[in-house]
Amino acid sequence: MGHLVNLLQLQTTLFFSNSPTCSSIALKPHAFEYLKANVLTSKCKAFGGGEMDALPHLQTLRKFPREELVAKVVLVRFDSTLLLREQGEDHRFQPSALFTIKYLHHSGAKVVLVSDWSVKTNPRLFVAQSVAEFLSSLLEYKVVPVQYISQNVVSKREGFEKGEILLLENLSEFRGEVANCSKFSQALSSGVDIFVNDYFSRSHKILASTCGVARFCYANLAGFHFEESLSQLRRTTESNTKPHVAIIGGGNLFDKAAALHSLASRCDGLVFVGMMSFQIMHALGLPVPLNLVEHGVLKEALDIVQVAHIRNVQILYPKDFWCKNDHLPKQLEIFPAHRILDGWVPVDIGPASFVEMKSMLSRCKKVTWIGPVKFRTSNCTKVASELAQMLNQLSQSNCNITVVGNKACEAMVKESNSTFNFTMIKDASVVWEFLKGKKLPGVMALDRAYPFDIDWSDAYSDPAQPLVVDIGSGNGMFLLGMAKTRKDLNFLGLEINKKLVKRCLDSVHWCGIRNGYFITTNATSTFRSIISSYPGKLVLVSIQCPNPDFNEPDHRWSMLQRSLVEAVADLLTANGKVFLQSDIEAVSLRMKEQFQRYGKGKLTAVHEQSFAITNRGWLKDNPFGVRSDWEQHVLARGDPMYRLMLCKSTTTE
């Protein structure tokens, strides 16, 4: 990154030909190649440009087996700013948030609600009893306030009357919430089976109620509102619709520099309409009153301008402003952007700037408006309303409109007859953090789902054949050996290590194997979504030599969790088998206990005469005659393997 620092120290005039009367600035010819080679590539790497497309696909309530919700205690983190709004406010996002709770209750789950609230949300709602009554009227189910957190109630399984929904205490009263305290998270989730997060607006924060509780629940799902909001976030940054222009309001360029780099790398135009416009003009060498310039951000602003010009991204900034003078409070004057007189301060964008903006936006197929049209002395500007009117008209002519931030959304709602023609994301902080390339903690805490539809006919010559799955397939020696000897079966390896999977797929290709396949995934959370789409029967699942991390006691057995065991028990065909083995007896015992505990009574140990059993109850030999590389290594050094075979009862189908 050293060459970037050196580059930033160069004078702006070395790179740009400036004209104070125009808003389109051209690079000097000699600078283009240098910047292309040294800045653009480095900036893409430094600010994670392409990595944002890798938002994880989550396990959602919509796709979770509904029968698995029956009699389960489900903790729902809801967004009080959505559900506890006063009448007359915008309730566009409320239906999906309400549906999460109604769906769970109707599915037979024991629902526990938790959130934070204050008089700012709704002045009439402060104590838990009034919140419970308000929610009862919305949900049309009885909601009962309880004091399980403060009274250290161990389990939430008791206390459910017929048809009741429980509401825990106000989280704003507990310091452990914002501190993501482990003990508080454990208390919050005690007795809970499944966690459903529907609090998307704070998914960029690390909270006990969104991140901490996920460690103690066996399934962590995105609610309907969370899933909808995440889809909107993905669509916001998709670059398949051109031309795409970003309207950027607000201030604090220093904190948002990485996000602006991201926008410059994927948009066709940037329109600055807030305080950040002065930083951009300053970087371009235009005269700007120093009191309007953010201190210490020249380098960041210059970088953004440089990257935009390398990509031929048009930058639009205000050419004129409506200004006022404290000594003449009722008088407004129009000044050119580069000639604002002393004593006058901008309060709104001028008419010439809006005409130029309107001309540019009228040619777009996609517009993203993020941040308010706001200056230091103004709260709501006339141009914000005019911009909202223009975007509303564009949305009715097949232009994809996304509006981000409370002020921008309020302007759109006020000026629109229908808000369903465009996408609104009210909390801009989540979007800014995402655009910076940062992982959102509230998203990362939830379980993963496999993001692709698998073409099984492409993976196997006969996808109807019975399936054998090896979880944690490693270098694939076991599965590849099995695939060569059992042509009547299909074999699937699920392995988290991409390099190992690539090697295995190369081996499949070079050996001409048409009944073997490998997928890069974390099977703990994606097993159900992958295997449920397979057209044939699942006849065998093997888990061999999982590698527990003894340095992390809380996660020692993280590979084999309840959600995986239940998915295996559900998807395995009648008389299907589960093969478990490890060279560490404690690991095998733990795996056995997990399957016995969470296998829903469907799986029992096999004690057939054909299997020789040790005096401790383990299989003496590998029943398949094909050994993994680690098994071979263990046996070669003279150590034992601890094996177990489970069978799914025919009476459970």
Foldseek 3Di string as FASTA:
>chain_A
DVVLVVVLPDALVQFWDDDLQDQFIATDVVVLVVCVVPFQVVLCVVLVQVLLLPQFAFAAPVPPPLLVQALAEEEEEADLLQQVADPPDDNPLVPQRLVLVLSSLVSHHAYEYEYADDVVSPVVDDFPVVVQVSVCVVNVFHEAEDAQQVVLPQAPSPDDDPRYHYYYGHCVVDPCFQVLDLVSLNSVCHNHAEYEYLHQLQLQGRTSNQFNVLLVHQAYHYGRSNVVVVVVLSVLLDQPFPQEEEEEEDDDCVVLLSLLLSCLVRHQEYEYQYLCLQLLCVLNVFAAPPVSHDPPCSSSSVSSVSSNNSVNRTYAYAQKAWWDAPVGHVDTDIDGRRDDDPRIDGFGGDPVSLVVVLVVCVPTQEYEYEYDSGYDPYDDDPVLLVVLLSVQVVLVVNRAYEYEAQNSVVSNVVNHPDPVSYHYHHNRVSSSCSSSVDRRSSSVSHFGADDDDDPQVVQAVDLAAAEEEEEQCFLVQQVVVLLVVCVRYAYEYEHQDPVSQVNNVVVCVVVVRRRYHYDHDLCSRHVLVHLVPRNYAHAEYEYEADDADPVDVSCRPVSDGLSNLCSCLVRHAAFGKYKYKHLDVVNSVVNVVSNVVRSVPFKDWDDDPVFDADPVGFTQDDPSPGDDPVVVVCVVVPGGMGMTMITGHPVVD
